[in-house]
Structures are given as C-alpha cells and as structure tokens.
C-alpha atoms as a PDB file:
ATOM      1  CA  UNK A   1       0.004  -0.283  -0.381  1.00  0.00           C
ATOM      2  CA  UNK A   2       1.154   3.591  -0.429  1.00  0.00           C
ATOM      3  CA  UNK A   3       1.877   4.900   2.720  1.00  0.00           C
ATOM      4  CA  UNK A   4       0.342   8.623   1.636  1.00  0.00           C
ATOM      5  CA  UNK A   5      -2.761   7.528   0.303  1.00  0.00           C
ATOM      6  CA  UNK A   6      -3.596   4.179   0.770  1.00  0.00           C
ATOM      7  CA  UNK A   7      -3.968   3.516  -2.474  1.00  0.00           C
ATOM      8  CA  UNK A   8      -3.391  -0.479  -3.206  1.00  0.00           C
ATOM      9  CA  UNK A   9      -0.370  -1.076  -5.773  1.00  0.00           C
ATOM     10  CA  UNK A  10       0.470  -3.262  -8.267  1.00  0.00           C
ATOM     11  CA  UNK A  11       3.462  -5.007  -8.469  1.00  0.00           C
ATOM     12  CA  UNK A  12       6.045  -5.092 -11.013  1.00  0.00           C
ATOM     13  CA  UNK A  13       6.115  -8.510 -11.531  1.00  0.00           C
ATOM     14  CA  UNK A  14       2.142  -8.659 -12.302  1.00  0.00           C
ATOM     15  CA  UNK A  15       2.618  -5.092 -14.125  1.00  0.00           C
ATOM     16  CA  UNK A  16       4.700  -7.290 -16.744  1.00  0.00           C
ATOM     17  CA  UNK A  17       2.554  -9.812 -16.961  1.00  0.00           C
ATOM     18  CA  UNK A  18      -0.704  -7.346 -17.652  1.00  0.00           C
ATOM     19  CA  UNK A  19       1.559  -6.297 -20.635  1.00  0.00           C
ATOM     20  CA  UNK A  20       3.513  -7.326 -23.696  1.00  0.00           C
ATOM     21  CA  UNK A  21       6.936  -7.422 -25.835  1.00  0.00           C
ATOM     22  CA  UNK A  22       7.280  -5.627 -29.341  1.00  0.00           C
ATOM     23  CA  UNK A  23       9.818  -5.988 -30.986  1.00  0.00           C
ATOM     24  CA  UNK A  24      10.739  -2.115 -32.000  1.00  0.00           C
ATOM     25  CA  UNK A  25      13.772  -0.342 -33.941  1.00  0.00           C
ATOM     26  CA  UNK A  26      15.496  -3.571 -33.148  1.00  0.00           C
ATOM     27  CA  UNK A  27      15.147  -4.231 -29.827  1.00  0.00           C
ATOM     28  CA  UNK A  28      12.494  -6.325 -27.542  1.00  0.00           C
ATOM     29  CA  UNK A  29      10.098  -3.277 -25.773  1.00  0.00           C
ATOM     30  CA  UNK A  30       7.907  -3.776 -22.900  1.00  0.00           C
ATOM     31  CA  UNK A  31       4.338  -1.669 -23.482  1.00  0.00           C
ATOM     32  CA  UNK A  32       1.576  -2.372 -22.090  1.00  0.00           C
ATOM     33  CA  UNK A  33      -2.070  -1.550 -23.976  1.00  0.00           C
ATOM     34  CA  UNK A  34      -4.987  -1.678 -21.573  1.00  0.00           C
ATOM     35  CA  UNK A  35      -8.792  -0.476 -22.801  1.00  0.00           C
ATOM     36  CA  UNK A  36     -12.198  -0.234 -24.664  1.00  0.00           C
ATOM     37  CA  UNK A  37      -9.970   0.808 -27.737  1.00  0.00           C
ATOM     38  CA  UNK A  38     -12.842   3.468 -28.589  1.00  0.00           C
ATOM     39  CA  UNK A  39     -12.187   4.955 -26.140  1.00  0.00           C
ATOM     40  CA  UNK A  40     -10.267   8.153 -26.324  1.00  0.00           C
ATOM     41  CA  UNK A  41      -6.214   6.937 -25.281  1.00  0.00           C
ATOM     42  CA  UNK A  42      -3.983   8.485 -22.810  1.00  0.00           C
ATOM     43  CA  UNK A  43       0.037   7.512 -24.222  1.00  0.00           C
ATOM     44  CA  UNK A  44       2.081   7.681 -20.791  1.00  0.00           C
ATOM     45  CA  UNK A  45       5.212   8.658 -21.396  1.00  0.00           C
ATOM     46  CA  UNK A  46       7.499   7.601 -17.452  1.00  0.00           C
ATOM     47  CA  UNK A  47      11.156   8.603 -16.509  1.00  0.00           C
ATOM     48  CA  UNK A  48      14.499   8.221 -15.526  1.00  0.00           C
ATOM     49  CA  UNK A  49      15.903   6.380 -14.337  1.00  0.00           C
ATOM     50  CA  UNK A  50      12.210   4.669 -13.776  1.00  0.00           C
ATOM     51  CA  UNK A  51       9.649   2.801 -16.408  1.00  0.00           C
ATOM     52  CA  UNK A  52       6.274   2.296 -17.381  1.00  0.00           C
ATOM     53  CA  UNK A  53       5.387   1.097 -13.320  1.00  0.00           C
ATOM     54  CA  UNK A  54       5.125   4.855 -12.044  1.00  0.00           C
ATOM     55  CA  UNK A  55       1.626   5.117 -14.108  1.00  0.00           C
ATOM     56  CA  UNK A  56       0.749   2.433 -12.150  1.00  0.00           C
ATOM     57  CA  UNK A  57      -1.185   4.228  -8.661  1.00  0.00           C
ATOM     58  CA  UNK A  58      -3.122   6.300 -10.999  1.00  0.00           C
ATOM     59  CA  UNK A  59      -3.621   3.755 -13.582  1.00  0.00           C
ATOM     60  CA  UNK A  60      -6.699   1.980 -12.742  1.00  0.00           C
ATOM     61  CA  UNK A  61      -8.654   5.011 -12.265  1.00  0.00           C
ATOM     62  CA  UNK A  62      -8.099   6.046 -16.001  1.00  0.00           C
ATOM     63  CA  UNK A  63      -9.254   3.429 -17.674  1.00  0.00           C
ATOM     64  CA  UNK A  64     -12.500   3.400 -16.923  1.00  0.00           C
ATOM     65  CA  UNK A  65     -12.803   6.296 -18.931  1.00  0.00           C
ATOM     66  CA  UNK A  66      -9.839   5.781 -21.490  1.00  0.00           C
ATOM     67  CA  UNK A  67      -7.345   3.307 -23.725  1.00  0.00           C
ATOM     68  CA  UNK A  68      -4.530   3.388 -22.313  1.00  0.00           C
ATOM     69  CA  UNK A  69      -0.699   2.689 -23.146  1.00  0.00           C
ATOM     70  CA  UNK A  70       2.600   2.896 -21.886  1.00  0.00           C
ATOM     71  CA  UNK A  71       6.040   1.835 -22.487  1.00  0.00           C
ATOM     72  CA  UNK A  72       9.264   1.582 -20.940  1.00  0.00           C
ATOM     73  CA  UNK A  73      11.720   3.214 -23.156  1.00  0.00           C
ATOM     74  CA  UNK A  74      15.377   1.482 -23.911  1.00  0.00           C
ATOM     75  CA  UNK A  75      17.404   1.014 -21.049  1.00  0.00           C
ATOM     76  CA  UNK A  76      14.481   0.994 -18.687  1.00  0.00           C
ATOM     77  CA  UNK A  77      12.040  -1.012 -17.142  1.00  0.00           C
ATOM     78  CA  UNK A  78      11.413  -4.943 -19.065  1.00  0.00           C
ATOM     79  CA  UNK A  79      12.607  -2.854 -22.851  1.00  0.00           C
ATOM     80  CA  UNK A  80      15.932  -4.286 -23.878  1.00  0.00           C
ATOM     81  CA  UNK A  81      19.233  -2.396 -21.822  1.00  0.00           C
ATOM     82  CA  UNK A  82      22.625  -2.331 -24.413  1.00  0.00           C
ATOM     83  CA  UNK A  83      25.902  -1.451 -23.366  1.00  0.00           C
ATOM     84  CA  UNK A  84      26.755  -0.160 -26.451  1.00  0.00           C
ATOM     85  CA  UNK A  85      24.136   2.300 -27.514  1.00  0.00           C
ATOM     86  CA  UNK A  86      24.452   5.762 -27.848  1.00  0.00           C
ATOM     87  CA  UNK A  87      21.237   6.890 -25.923  1.00  0.00           C
ATOM     88  CA  UNK A  88      19.861   9.540 -26.962  1.00  0.00           C
ATOM     89  CA  UNK A  89      15.949  11.504 -26.276  1.00  0.00           C
ATOM     90  CA  UNK A  90      15.241  11.702 -30.330  1.00  0.00           C
ATOM     91  CA  UNK A  91      16.022   8.371 -30.294  1.00  0.00           C
ATOM     92  CA  UNK A  92      13.187   7.663 -27.690  1.00  0.00           C
ATOM     93  CA  UNK A  93      10.983   9.908 -29.311  1.00  0.00           C
ATOM     94  CA  UNK A  94      11.621   7.588 -32.563  1.00  0.00           C
ATOM     95  CA  UNK A  95      10.888   4.601 -31.037  1.00  0.00           C
ATOM     96  CA  UNK A  96       7.279   6.197 -29.106  1.00  0.00           C
ATOM     97  CA  UNK A  97       6.395   7.441 -32.579  1.00  0.00           C
ATOM     98  CA  UNK A  98       7.311   3.266 -33.243  1.00  0.00           C
ATOM     99  CA  UNK A  99       4.659   2.186 -30.832  1.00  0.00           C
ATOM    100  CA  UNK A 100       1.883   4.831 -32.022  1.00  0.00           C
ATOM    101  CA  UNK A 101       2.775   3.167 -35.842  1.00  0.00           C
ATOM    102  CA  UNK A 102       2.473   0.065 -34.902  1.00  0.00           C
ATOM    103  CA  UNK A 103      -0.380   0.595 -32.509  1.00  0.00           C
ATOM    104  CA  UNK A 104      -2.715   2.611 -35.075  1.00  0.00           C
ATOM    105  CA  UNK A 105      -3.360   5.071 -32.723  1.00  0.00           C
ATOM    106  CA  UNK A 106      -4.803   8.005 -34.559  1.00  0.00           C
ATOM    107  CA  UNK A 107      -5.115  10.279 -32.471  1.00  0.00           C
ATOM    108  CA  UNK A 108      -4.562  10.359 -28.311  1.00  0.00           C
ATOM    109  CA  UNK A 109      -3.806  12.424 -25.237  1.00  0.00           C
ATOM    110  CA  UNK A 110       0.153  12.522 -23.864  1.00  0.00           C
ATOM    111  CA  UNK A 111       1.317  12.434 -19.774  1.00  0.00           C
ATOM    112  CA  UNK A 112       4.775  12.349 -19.391  1.00  0.00           C
ATOM    113  CA  UNK A 113       7.504  12.485 -16.218  1.00  0.00           C
ATOM    114  CA  UNK A 114      10.435  13.422 -16.460  1.00  0.00           C
ATOM    115  CA  UNK A 115      12.871  12.409 -18.801  1.00  0.00           C
ATOM    116  CA  UNK A 116       9.235  11.456 -20.529  1.00  0.00           C
ATOM    117  CA  UNK A 117       8.495  15.261 -20.328  1.00  0.00           C
ATOM    118  CA  UNK A 118      11.510  16.007 -22.618  1.00  0.00           C
ATOM    119  CA  UNK A 119      10.673  13.264 -24.917  1.00  0.00           C
ATOM    120  CA  UNK A 120       7.772  14.931 -24.739  1.00  0.00           C
ATOM    121  CA  UNK A 121       9.193  18.572 -26.010  1.00  0.00           C
ATOM    122  CA  UNK A 122      10.533  16.557 -28.558  1.00  0.00           C
ATOM    123  CA  UNK A 123       7.395  14.491 -29.772  1.00  0.00           C
ATOM    124  CA  UNK A 124       5.034  17.796 -29.876  1.00  0.00           C
ATOM    125  CA  UNK A 125       8.077  19.919 -31.699  1.00  0.00           C
ATOM    126  CA  UNK A 126       6.953  17.077 -34.941  1.00  0.00           C
ATOM    127  CA  UNK A 127       3.534  17.409 -33.862  1.00  0.00           C
ATOM    128  CA  UNK A 128       3.451  21.323 -34.520  1.00  0.00           C
ATOM    129  CA  UNK A 129       5.971  20.779 -38.077  1.00  0.00           C
ATOM    130  CA  UNK A 130       3.317  18.382 -39.278  1.00  0.00           C
ATOM    131  CA  UNK A 131       6.185  15.223 -39.288  1.00  0.00           C
ATOM    132  CA  UNK A 132       4.990  13.872 -36.118  1.00  0.00           C
ATOM    133  CA  UNK A 133       2.917  10.314 -35.892  1.00  0.00           C
ATOM    134  CA  UNK A 134      -0.682  10.430 -34.813  1.00  0.00           C
ATOM    135  CA  UNK A 135      -2.355  13.248 -34.346  1.00  0.00           C
ATOM    136  CA  UNK A 136      -2.006  14.937 -30.379  1.00  0.00           C
ATOM    137  CA  UNK A 137      -5.074  15.827 -29.090  1.00  0.00           C
ATOM    138  CA  UNK A 138      -3.032  17.465 -25.865  1.00  0.00           C
ATOM    139  CA  UNK A 139       0.014  16.692 -23.368  1.00  0.00           C
ATOM    140  CA  UNK A 140      -0.353  16.940 -19.668  1.00  0.00           C
ATOM    141  CA  UNK A 141       3.952  17.750 -18.535  1.00  0.00           C
ATOM    142  CA  UNK A 142       4.145  16.249 -14.564  1.00  0.00           C
ATOM    143  CA  UNK A 143       7.561  17.092 -12.708  1.00  0.00           C
ATOM    144  CA  UNK A 144      10.336  17.475 -15.030  1.00  0.00           C
ATOM    145  CA  UNK A 145      13.546  19.323 -16.660  1.00  0.00           C
ATOM    146  CA  UNK A 146      11.397  21.286 -19.172  1.00  0.00           C
ATOM    147  CA  UNK A 147      13.981  24.340 -18.865  1.00  0.00           C
ATOM    148  CA  UNK A 148      17.860  23.712 -18.293  1.00  0.00           C
ATOM    149  CA  UNK A 149      18.240  26.446 -16.676  1.00  0.00           C
ATOM    150  CA  UNK A 150      16.177  25.629 -13.347  1.00  0.00           C
ATOM    151  CA  UNK A 151      16.535  21.793 -13.516  1.00  0.00           C
ATOM    152  CA  UNK A 152      18.741  21.183 -10.566  1.00  0.00           C
ATOM    153  CA  UNK A 153      20.007  18.118 -10.807  1.00  0.00           C
ATOM    154  CA  UNK A 154      21.301  15.815  -7.940  1.00  0.00           C
ATOM    155  CA  UNK A 155      24.435  15.233  -7.021  1.00  0.00           C
ATOM    156  CA  UNK A 156      24.901  11.850  -8.244  1.00  0.00           C
ATOM    157  CA  UNK A 157      23.596  12.475 -11.936  1.00  0.00           C
ATOM    158  CA  UNK A 158      26.079  14.651 -12.203  1.00  0.00           C
ATOM    159  CA  UNK A 159      28.829  12.227 -10.986  1.00  0.00           C
ATOM    160  CA  UNK A 160      27.044  10.051 -13.867  1.00  0.00           C
ATOM    161  CA  UNK A 161      27.233  12.291 -16.601  1.00  0.00           C
ATOM    162  CA  UNK A 162      31.277  13.189 -15.963  1.00  0.00           C
ATOM    163  CA  UNK A 163      34.283  11.046 -16.499  1.00  0.00           C
ATOM    164  CA  UNK A 164      33.997   8.921 -12.936  1.00  0.00           C
ATOM    165  CA  UNK A 165      30.683   8.158 -14.620  1.00  0.00           C
ATOM    166  CA  UNK A 166      30.611   4.037 -14.947  1.00  0.00           C
ATOM    167  CA  UNK A 167      32.993   3.549 -11.920  1.00  0.00           C
ATOM    168  CA  UNK A 168      30.253   5.504  -9.997  1.00  0.00           C
ATOM    169  CA  UNK A 169      27.273   3.281 -11.834  1.00  0.00           C
ATOM    170  CA  UNK A 170      29.323  -0.133 -10.116  1.00  0.00           C
ATOM    171  CA  UNK A 171      29.518   1.490  -6.866  1.00  0.00           C
ATOM    172  CA  UNK A 172      26.207   2.283  -6.073  1.00  0.00           C
ATOM    173  CA  UNK A 173      23.956   0.142  -4.286  1.00  0.00           C
ATOM    174  CA  UNK A 174      20.605   0.186  -2.906  1.00  0.00           C
ATOM    175  CA  UNK A 175      20.838   1.889   0.066  1.00  0.00           C
ATOM    176  CA  UNK A 176      22.729   5.135  -1.555  1.00  0.00           C
ATOM    177  CA  UNK A 177      19.671   4.401  -4.282  1.00  0.00           C
ATOM    178  CA  UNK A 178      17.457   4.963  -1.289  1.00  0.00           C
ATOM    179  CA  UNK A 179      18.593   7.643   0.350  1.00  0.00           C
ATOM    180  CA  UNK A 180      19.185   9.648  -3.298  1.00  0.00           C
ATOM    181  CA  UNK A 181      15.595   8.450  -4.347  1.00  0.00           C
ATOM    182  CA  UNK A 182      13.672   9.086  -1.304  1.00  0.00           C
ATOM    183  CA  UNK A 183      15.624  12.881  -0.915  1.00  0.00           C
ATOM    184  CA  UNK A 184      13.069  13.796  -3.918  1.00  0.00           C
ATOM    185  CA  UNK A 185       9.667  12.998  -2.645  1.00  0.00           C
ATOM    186  CA  UNK A 186       8.087  15.270  -0.382  1.00  0.00           C
ATOM    187  CA  UNK A 187       8.081  15.110   3.183  1.00  0.00           C
ATOM    188  CA  UNK A 188       5.107  13.356   3.858  1.00  0.00           C
ATOM    189  CA  UNK A 189       4.752  11.048   1.037  1.00  0.00           C
ATOM    190  CA  UNK A 190       8.202   9.258   1.108  1.00  0.00           C
ATOM    191  CA  UNK A 191       7.986   5.526  -0.508  1.00  0.00           C
ATOM    192  CA  UNK A 192       7.646   2.704   1.487  1.00  0.00           C
ATOM    193  CA  UNK A 193      10.309   0.160   1.762  1.00  0.00           C
ATOM    194  CA  UNK A 194       7.834  -2.213  -0.568  1.00  0.00           C
ATOM    195  CA  UNK A 195       8.329   0.699  -3.459  1.00  0.00           C
ATOM    196  CA  UNK A 196      11.854   1.456  -3.030  1.00  0.00           C
ATOM    197  CA  UNK A 197      12.757  -2.397  -3.092  1.00  0.00           C
ATOM    198  CA  UNK A 198      10.298  -2.814  -6.364  1.00  0.00           C
ATOM    199  CA  UNK A 199      12.192   0.300  -8.107  1.00  0.00           C
ATOM    200  CA  UNK A 200      15.230  -1.144  -7.810  1.00  0.00           C
ATOM    201  CA  UNK A 201      14.148  -4.813  -8.476  1.00  0.00           C
ATOM    202  CA  UNK A 202      13.075  -3.041 -12.136  1.00  0.00           C
ATOM    203  CA  UNK A 203      16.234  -0.570 -12.197  1.00  0.00           C
ATOM    204  CA  UNK A 204      18.063  -3.987 -12.158  1.00  0.00           C
ATOM    205  CA  UNK A 205      16.600  -6.284 -14.160  1.00  0.00           C
ATOM    206  CA  UNK A 206      18.115  -7.043 -17.583  1.00  0.00           C
ATOM    207  CA  UNK A 207      21.379  -6.336 -16.118  1.00  0.00           C
ATOM    208  CA  UNK A 208      20.255  -2.227 -17.266  1.00  0.00           C
ATOM    209  CA  UNK A 209      22.134  -0.159 -13.927  1.00  0.00           C
ATOM    210  CA  UNK A 210      24.769  -0.411 -15.846  1.00  0.00           C
ATOM    211  CA  UNK A 211      22.959   1.796 -18.586  1.00  0.00           C
ATOM    212  CA  UNK A 212      23.139   4.309 -15.866  1.00  0.00           C
ATOM    213  CA  UNK A 213      26.017   6.214 -17.268  1.00  0.00           C
ATOM    214  CA  UNK A 214      25.179   6.255 -20.692  1.00  0.00           C
ATOM    215  CA  UNK A 215      21.478   7.310 -20.160  1.00  0.00           C
ATOM    216  CA  UNK A 216      21.848  10.061 -17.966  1.00  0.00           C
ATOM    217  CA  UNK A 217      23.270  12.023 -21.392  1.00  0.00           C
ATOM    218  CA  UNK A 218      19.672  13.246 -21.696  1.00  0.00           C
ATOM    219  CA  UNK A 219      20.918  16.084 -19.541  1.00  0.00           C
ATOM    220  CA  UNK A 220      23.639  17.164 -21.867  1.00  0.00           C
ATOM    221  CA  UNK A 221      20.113  16.683 -25.322  1.00  0.00           C
ATOM    222  CA  UNK A 222      18.437  19.078 -23.450  1.00  0.00           C
ATOM    223  CA  UNK A 223      21.118  22.051 -23.300  1.00  0.00           C
ATOM    224  CA  UNK A 224      21.343  21.460 -27.091  1.00  0.00           C
ATOM    225  CA  UNK A 225      18.763  21.480 -28.614  1.00  0.00           C
ATOM    226  CA  UNK A 226      16.849  23.708 -25.541  1.00  0.00           C
ATOM    227  CA  UNK A 227      15.593  26.323 -28.405  1.00  0.00           C
ATOM    228  CA  UNK A 228      13.509  23.658 -30.397  1.00  0.00           C
ATOM    229  CA  UNK A 229      12.122  22.573 -26.925  1.00  0.00           C
ATOM    230  CA  UNK A 230      11.121  25.478 -25.486  1.00  0.00           C
ATOM    231  CA  UNK A 231      10.097  26.924 -28.280  1.00  0.00           C
ATOM    232  CA  UNK A 232       7.602  24.215 -28.362  1.00  0.00           C
ATOM    233  CA  UNK A 233       5.611  24.843 -25.231  1.00  0.00           C
ATOM    234  CA  UNK A 234       5.695  28.683 -26.638  1.00  0.00           C
ATOM    235  CA  UNK A 235       3.863  27.690 -30.063  1.00  0.00           C
ATOM    236  CA  UNK A 236       1.684  24.959 -29.332  1.00  0.00           C
ATOM    237  CA  UNK A 237      -1.855  24.938 -30.968  1.00  0.00           C
ATOM    238  CA  UNK A 238      -1.679  21.948 -28.904  1.00  0.00           C
ATOM    239  CA  UNK A 239      -3.980  21.904 -25.506  1.00  0.00           C
ATOM    240  CA  UNK A 240      -0.578  21.934 -22.639  1.00  0.00           C
ATOM    241  CA  UNK A 241      -0.989  22.201 -18.601  1.00  0.00           C
ATOM    242  CA  UNK A 242       1.061  20.870 -15.671  1.00  0.00           C
ATOM    243  CA  UNK A 243       0.309  19.212 -12.462  1.00  0.00           C
ATOM    244  CA  UNK A 244       3.974  20.008 -10.360  1.00  0.00           C
ATOM    245  CA  UNK A 245       5.289  18.743  -6.919  1.00  0.00           C
ATOM    246  CA  UNK A 246       5.627  22.180  -5.600  1.00  0.00           C
ATOM    247  CA  UNK A 247       8.021  20.958  -3.304  1.00  0.00           C
ATOM    248  CA  UNK A 248       9.913  18.744  -5.983  1.00  0.00           C
ATOM    249  CA  UNK A 249      14.395  19.825  -5.048  1.00  0.00           C
ATOM    250  CA  UNK A 250      14.695  18.931  -8.774  1.00  0.00           C
ATOM    251  CA  UNK A 251      11.989  20.457 -10.114  1.00  0.00           C
ATOM    252  CA  UNK A 252       9.797  21.804  -8.641  1.00  0.00           C
ATOM    253  CA  UNK A 253       7.830  25.384  -8.210  1.00  0.00           C
ATOM    254  CA  UNK A 254      11.230  27.059  -9.282  1.00  0.00           C
ATOM    255  CA  UNK A 255      10.275  24.779 -12.452  1.00  0.00           C
ATOM    256  CA  UNK A 256       6.328  26.130 -13.037  1.00  0.00           C
ATOM    257  CA  UNK A 257       7.207  29.606 -12.369  1.00  0.00           C
ATOM    258  CA  UNK A 258       9.685  29.543 -14.969  1.00  0.00           C
ATOM    259  CA  UNK A 259       7.514  28.261 -17.152  1.00  0.00           C
ATOM    260  CA  UNK A 260       4.828  30.820 -17.487  1.00  0.00           C
ATOM    261  CA  UNK A 261       8.252  33.479 -17.098  1.00  0.00           C
ATOM    262  CA  UNK A 262       8.483  32.179 -20.702  1.00  0.00           C
ATOM    263  CA  UNK A 263       4.878  32.437 -21.780  1.00  0.00           C
ATOM    264  CA  UNK A 264       4.379  29.234 -22.720  1.00  0.00           C
ATOM    265  CA  UNK A 265       1.622  27.807 -23.527  1.00  0.00           C
ATOM    266  CA  UNK A 266      -0.920  26.518 -20.523  1.00  0.00           C
ATOM    267  CA  UNK A 267      -4.207  26.002 -19.989  1.00  0.00           C
ATOM    268  CA  UNK A 268      -4.240  23.885 -16.655  1.00  0.00           C
ATOM    269  CA  UNK A 269      -2.263  24.774 -13.894  1.00  0.00           C
ATOM    270  CA  UNK A 270      -2.438  22.572 -10.783  1.00  0.00           C
ATOM    271  CA  UNK A 271       0.169  22.909  -8.513  1.00  0.00           C
ATOM    272  CA  UNK A 272       0.667  20.300  -5.509  1.00  0.00           C
ATOM    273  CA  UNK A 273       1.829  22.086  -2.701  1.00  0.00           C
ATOM    274  CA  UNK A 274       3.515  18.962  -0.088  1.00  0.00           C
ATOM    275  CA  UNK A 275       4.558  16.904  -2.853  1.00  0.00           C
ATOM    276  CA  UNK A 276       7.613  16.470  -4.482  1.00  0.00           C
ATOM    277  CA  UNK A 277       9.041  15.055  -7.645  1.00  0.00           C
ATOM    278  CA  UNK A 278       7.026  11.938  -8.378  1.00  0.00           C
ATOM    279  CA  UNK A 279       2.977  13.046  -8.301  1.00  0.00           C
ATOM    280  CA  UNK A 280       1.745  10.187  -9.859  1.00  0.00           C
ATOM    281  CA  UNK A 281       3.197   8.109  -6.971  1.00  0.00           C
ATOM    282  CA  UNK A 282       3.012  10.186  -3.785  1.00  0.00           C
ATOM    283  CA  UNK A 283      -0.473  11.649  -4.291  1.00  0.00           C
ATOM    284  CA  UNK A 284      -2.416   9.593  -7.018  1.00  0.00           C
ATOM    285  CA  UNK A 285      -5.720  11.388  -6.175  1.00  0.00           C
ATOM    286  CA  UNK A 286      -5.143  14.692  -6.464  1.00  0.00           C
ATOM    287  CA  UNK A 287      -3.554  14.002  -9.865  1.00  0.00           C
ATOM    288  CA  UNK A 288      -6.210  11.639 -11.238  1.00  0.00           C
ATOM    289  CA  UNK A 289      -8.576  14.559 -10.329  1.00  0.00           C
ATOM    290  CA  UNK A 290      -6.528  17.030 -11.426  1.00  0.00           C
ATOM    291  CA  UNK A 291      -5.871  15.512 -15.037  1.00  0.00           C
ATOM    292  CA  UNK A 292      -9.059  15.383 -15.485  1.00  0.00           C
ATOM    293  CA  UNK A 293     -10.162  18.119 -14.673  1.00  0.00           C
ATOM    294  CA  UNK A 294      -8.211  19.487 -17.835  1.00  0.00           C
ATOM    295  CA  UNK A 295      -8.882  17.033 -19.754  1.00  0.00           C
ATOM    296  CA  UNK A 296     -12.597  17.765 -19.358  1.00  0.00           C
ATOM    297  CA  UNK A 297     -12.078  21.199 -19.743  1.00  0.00           C
ATOM    298  CA  UNK A 298     -10.820  20.258 -23.358  1.00  0.00           C
ATOM    299  CA  UNK A 299     -14.277  19.289 -24.591  1.00  0.00           C
END
C-alpha cells in the first residue's frame, strides 16, 4: 500500500504479465495497452531512472474512461538495455512514434513525467512541424526538467555524467539509491520500503544499472536542443497542462515559475504544495482528479 494514500499497488511482476514485448526499431520493447479501443487514448511516457510501472497508482482510475498505452523506453524497465548504445532523447522519441504507428493510434492525449517530459517536448516539436506520428489532442507534464536552466540535478546525476560515471555506477548500491531516490519525494509522501525494493528491482532487471551513465546524457541533450524544445511549449497549438509537485528539489515550484516567465502555453495548472518529484506515486488521487479536470475542459 502507498502509505500516503492507502492506494492498492500493483507489483512489477503483475505489471509485466499485463503487458507485452514488441520488436521495435530492432529492440525488444515492453508495452502495456489496456482499455476499450473505442475510448479516447492516453499515451503515458515515464521518467528516469524508472519505468512505465510509475503509472500504476493512477492507471485503474483512468482506465474507466480511456484506453491507456505505456511503454518502457530503451534502457528502462522490462525493455532491452543495451550497453553499447548511444541513448538520446531523439532516439526515444523515435521509439514512441514506432509505438504509435504499430498500435495504429490516430489521435491521443499525452501524459509525461521527468525524462518523459523531454521526450514529449521533442515529439511536440514534430507535431508542430507536421511530421509527427498521429495527432495529439493534448499534453500534460508532471515534474520534469523542461528548462535546463532551472533543472537542479542531484549530485549523483552530475557525477554519473562525468568521466567517473561508469565507476560510480558500479559502486552504487541499494542503500545509496534509497537515499537519493527518497530525497526528491515530499516530506510526508516518501516511498515505502516495498516501493523502493520494487523500483530498485526494475532498474536492475536485464542487467539494467550498467546503462545509467549512458542514459544520463539526456541532460546534455536538453542544453543542446533547448531552443527547439522550449519553442515547442511557447508556440504549441495543442492544449498543455502542468501538474507539479511544488516541493520537488529538482523541478518543483521554481520550474513552474520559469514556465510562466517564458510565456509557454498553459491551459491548466495544478500545484501540489506538499508533493515532490513523483506526484503520480505520491498523490495519485490528486493527480487523477486534476488530470481529468484538464481533459474534461477540452470537450
């Protein structure tokens, strides 16, 4: 159970049983696709260093009214985690578009978090250039580094990006992970021991921890492509929403302030005053309530 909410959790093994493995762009990719195909579709894009399992606390509530599709991006969760691979946001965006084409989704909403926010920014830019897969109906961002200048990376993330990243990766164990991971949650909504074990298990499955220092290069991608990805938020013709945990040290209320300062499109805003970096895990009821309000006002 999630201590903060009393929400019944679905374990990662059960999550895997509900999904499927597809061969996309030459890799085995885990995907979960549930709900009536006649209902509106939501495509959910997870964050770093976790997986589509992040969405399970809000999944069943949204499933009542929507078809839901979530993928483990390359290097995450149950998908392939090749060590000799150049991981990039553009590559992950290509993978998401391969899912859209394979599943033949014509129009859909997007819900993204953290690393997934950046992937969504690249995909949004493609939508605005009329060369994206499918037609977006809306996009909602949970906490993430939408602007490199306001992204306050943890020390561990900075070290992973440095020349000693590979060594640090090998030396990082469960106790260190628990400290770092819990530090971005709100003070009253820390992950339980069971949740921490599950997150750690998902990170390590398929020998996954070895790719951390390769995946973290997304921080450089954000700097290199800042103009394209921020412009997409400013010039969007697609409704955009933020649901943000304010006390997140990485991308909390300071990120929302920058979003407004840059005059990015904002059709709906929910600021969760006591919640940290993982609002869908820390406060699933509040996230689903706000997200449904955002979608309902689009009708």
